[in-house]
Amino acid sequence: MGLFNWGKAVKDAGDGVSSAFTGVGSGISNIINSAKGQIPTEVQGQLLILEAQLNGDIKKAELDIQVKVKEIMVGAQQSVYDFALKYEGTADQVPKWVLTMRSVIRPLITIISMGTFFLLMGMDIFKMISKDADMTILNSLPEQYWWILGIVVGFWFGSKGVENLFSNKKKVD
């Protein structure tokens, strides 16, 4: 299970325990409301005191759960960070050629994918102008190409650029 799935599981477990505590508190309220007028006033008062104490305990327990979930998540993130440092080392421990390759790979993928896109688009425009034909080259590209292009645009321009790219692509199809 990946880190993010594991984190979601911990959060969901904390939410489940929290809702269980809330259910116990509302159960006492239901008992008091359904038994009004049937039980003595001093017993109702004791139940209200018990409910107030229980609600305070529930709130404290909910806060404790939230703190514990945050601690677990921070610990998990720290262990992933520590693993990455142990596995890859710090920048001064990595050979210079590896650092150069790491810094070149994203721009290289960007140049190749965007260059291909503009080349194919230019071919389509040239074909449309010179032969009065439809733009078929870009339309014939596989879906995976558009995903790669979306990832590149998303990396450089953020998620809003990717949303715009794919919403426009779907409108065209």
Protein backbone atom coordinates (compact mmCIF):
# COMPACT_ATOMS: atom_id res chain seq x y z
CA MET A 1 0.00 0.00 0.00
CA GLY A 2 1.41 3.40 -0.97
CA LEU A 3 2.06 6.18 1.49
CA PHE A 4 -0.97 8.21 0.44
CA ASN A 5 -3.33 5.22 0.61
CA TRP A 6 -1.92 4.37 4.01
CA GLY A 7 -2.44 7.95 5.15
CA LYS A 8 -6.04 7.88 3.95
CA ALA A 9 -6.61 4.63 5.86
CA VAL A 10 -5.28 6.20 9.07
CA LYS A 11 -7.44 9.28 8.57
CA ASP A 12 -10.54 7.18 7.85
CA ALA A 13 -9.91 5.09 10.97
CA GLY A 14 -9.64 8.25 13.06
CA ASP A 15 -12.88 9.58 11.54
CA GLY A 16 -14.59 6.27 12.30
CA VAL A 17 -13.58 6.34 15.97
CA SER A 18 -14.67 9.96 16.17
CA SER A 19 -18.11 9.20 14.73
CA ALA A 20 -18.47 6.29 17.19
CA PHE A 21 -17.88 8.67 20.10
CA THR A 22 -20.43 11.09 18.66
CA GLY A 23 -22.94 8.24 18.34
CA VAL A 24 -22.61 7.39 22.06
CA GLY A 25 -23.22 11.01 23.03
CA SER A 26 -26.30 11.33 20.84
CA GLY A 27 -27.59 8.02 22.29
CA ILE A 28 -27.77 9.52 25.76
CA SER A 29 -29.60 12.56 24.36
CA ASN A 30 -32.12 10.25 22.74
CA ILE A 31 -32.65 8.40 26.03
CA ILE A 32 -33.24 11.68 27.87
CA ASN A 33 -35.59 13.04 25.20
CA SER A 34 -37.63 9.84 24.88
CA ALA A 35 -37.98 9.38 28.66
CA LYS A 36 -38.96 12.98 29.52
CA GLY A 37 -41.82 13.01 31.96
CA GLN A 38 -41.46 9.30 32.68
CA ILE A 39 -38.40 9.41 34.90
CA PRO A 40 -37.92 11.51 38.01
CA THR A 41 -36.48 14.99 37.64
CA GLU A 42 -33.38 14.21 39.72
CA VAL A 43 -32.59 11.23 37.46
CA GLN A 44 -33.02 13.49 34.42
CA GLY A 45 -30.62 15.95 36.04
CA GLN A 46 -28.09 13.19 36.67
CA LEU A 47 -28.44 12.05 33.03
CA LEU A 48 -27.89 15.61 31.83
CA ILE A 49 -24.76 15.86 33.99
CA LEU A 50 -23.60 12.51 32.61
CA GLU A 51 -24.31 13.70 29.07
CA ALA A 52 -22.33 16.91 29.62
CA GLN A 53 -19.39 14.95 31.05
CA LEU A 54 -19.58 12.44 28.23
CA ASN A 55 -19.72 15.19 25.59
CA GLY A 56 -16.63 16.79 27.17
CA ASP A 57 -14.87 13.42 27.16
CA ILE A 58 -15.97 12.85 23.56
CA LYS A 59 -14.57 16.22 22.44
CA LYS A 60 -11.30 15.51 24.25
CA ALA A 61 -11.10 12.05 22.67
CA GLU A 62 -11.83 13.49 19.21
CA LEU A 63 -9.03 16.03 19.64
CA ASP A 64 -6.69 13.30 20.89
CA ILE A 65 -7.53 11.21 17.81
CA GLN A 66 -6.87 14.14 15.48
CA VAL A 67 -3.51 14.78 17.15
CA LYS A 68 -2.57 11.09 16.93
CA VAL A 69 -3.54 10.91 13.24
CA LYS A 70 -1.40 14.00 12.52
CA GLU A 71 1.52 12.47 14.43
CA ILE A 72 1.22 9.24 12.43
CA MET A 73 1.08 11.15 9.14
CA VAL A 74 4.12 13.26 10.04
CA GLY A 75 5.98 10.13 11.07
CA ALA A 76 5.12 8.43 7.77
CA GLN A 77 6.24 11.44 5.75
CA GLN A 78 9.45 11.65 7.75
CA SER A 79 10.18 7.95 7.17
CA VAL A 80 9.72 8.40 3.40
CA TYR A 81 12.03 11.43 3.50
CA ASP A 82 14.62 9.50 5.52
CA PHE A 83 14.39 6.57 3.10
CA ALA A 84 14.95 8.87 0.12
CA LEU A 85 17.98 10.45 1.79
CA LYS A 86 19.40 7.06 2.69
CA TYR A 87 18.72 5.64 -0.78
CA GLU A 88 19.85 8.58 -2.92
CA GLY A 89 22.11 10.50 -0.58
CA THR A 90 22.43 14.24 -0.28
CA ALA A 91 23.44 16.44 -3.23
CA ASP A 92 27.09 16.50 -2.16
CA GLN A 93 27.18 12.67 -2.09
CA VAL A 94 25.76 12.19 -5.62
CA PRO A 95 28.15 12.30 -8.62
CA LYS A 96 27.97 15.50 -10.68
CA TRP A 97 26.95 13.65 -13.87
CA VAL A 98 23.88 12.21 -12.06
CA LEU A 99 22.84 15.69 -10.94
CA THR A 100 23.31 16.94 -14.51
CA MET A 101 21.17 14.11 -15.91
CA ARG A 102 18.45 14.79 -13.34
CA SER A 103 18.38 18.46 -14.27
CA VAL A 104 18.31 17.76 -18.03
CA ILE A 105 15.60 15.11 -18.21
CA ARG A 106 12.53 17.33 -17.67
CA PRO A 107 13.54 20.02 -20.17
CA LEU A 108 14.48 17.28 -22.67
CA ILE A 109 11.09 15.57 -22.36
CA THR A 110 9.42 18.96 -22.67
CA ILE A 111 11.34 19.87 -25.82
CA ILE A 112 10.63 16.49 -27.43
CA SER A 113 6.91 16.37 -26.59
CA MET A 114 6.13 20.02 -27.33
CA GLY A 115 8.38 19.99 -30.41
CA THR A 116 6.52 16.95 -31.73
CA PHE A 117 3.18 18.64 -31.05
CA PHE A 118 4.14 21.85 -32.87
CA LEU A 119 5.69 19.91 -35.76
CA LEU A 120 2.56 17.80 -36.24
CA MET A 121 0.33 20.85 -35.86
CA GLY A 122 2.41 22.67 -38.46
CA MET A 123 2.10 19.70 -40.81
CA ASP A 124 -1.66 19.71 -40.33
CA ILE A 125 -1.90 23.46 -40.98
CA PHE A 126 0.33 23.17 -44.06
CA LYS A 127 -1.78 20.29 -45.36
CA MET A 128 -4.97 22.25 -44.70
CA ILE A 129 -3.68 25.38 -46.47
CA SER A 130 -2.06 23.68 -49.47
CA LYS A 131 -4.49 20.83 -50.14
CA ASP A 132 -7.63 22.18 -48.55
CA ALA A 133 -7.86 19.02 -46.44
CA ASP A 134 -8.88 18.38 -42.86
CA MET A 135 -6.46 18.33 -39.93
CA THR A 136 -6.10 14.57 -39.52
CA ILE A 137 -2.60 14.14 -38.07
CA LEU A 138 -3.35 15.54 -34.60
CA ASN A 139 -6.70 13.76 -34.53
CA SER A 140 -5.03 10.41 -35.26
CA LEU A 141 -2.60 10.61 -32.32
CA PRO A 142 -3.17 8.00 -29.59
CA GLU A 143 -4.67 9.01 -26.28
CA GLN A 144 -1.40 8.28 -24.48
CA TYR A 145 0.31 11.10 -26.41
CA TRP A 146 -2.25 13.56 -25.07
CA TRP A 147 -1.61 12.28 -21.54
CA ILE A 148 2.12 12.89 -21.96
CA LEU A 149 1.40 16.36 -23.29
CA GLY A 150 -0.95 16.97 -20.34
CA ILE A 151 1.72 15.92 -17.86
CA VAL A 152 4.27 18.24 -19.47
CA VAL A 153 1.86 21.18 -19.50
CA GLY A 154 0.82 20.35 -15.93
CA PHE A 155 4.42 20.35 -14.77
CA TRP A 156 5.21 23.73 -16.27
CA PHE A 157 1.88 25.54 -15.92
CA GLY A 158 0.12 23.80 -13.02
CA SER A 159 -3.12 21.90 -12.81
CA LYS A 160 -5.21 24.73 -14.30
CA GLY A 161 -3.33 24.38 -17.60
CA VAL A 162 -3.95 20.63 -17.66
CA GLU A 163 -7.65 21.09 -16.90
CA ASN A 164 -7.94 23.58 -19.76
CA LEU A 165 -6.02 21.34 -22.15
CA PHE A 166 -8.15 18.27 -21.50
CA SER A 167 -11.47 20.13 -21.33
CA ASN A 168 -10.69 21.70 -24.75
CA LYS A 169 -9.52 18.36 -26.16
CA LYS A 170 -12.77 16.65 -25.13
CA LYS A 171 -14.87 19.44 -26.67
CA VAL A 172 -13.05 18.97 -29.98
CA ASP A 173 -13.59 15.19 -30.03
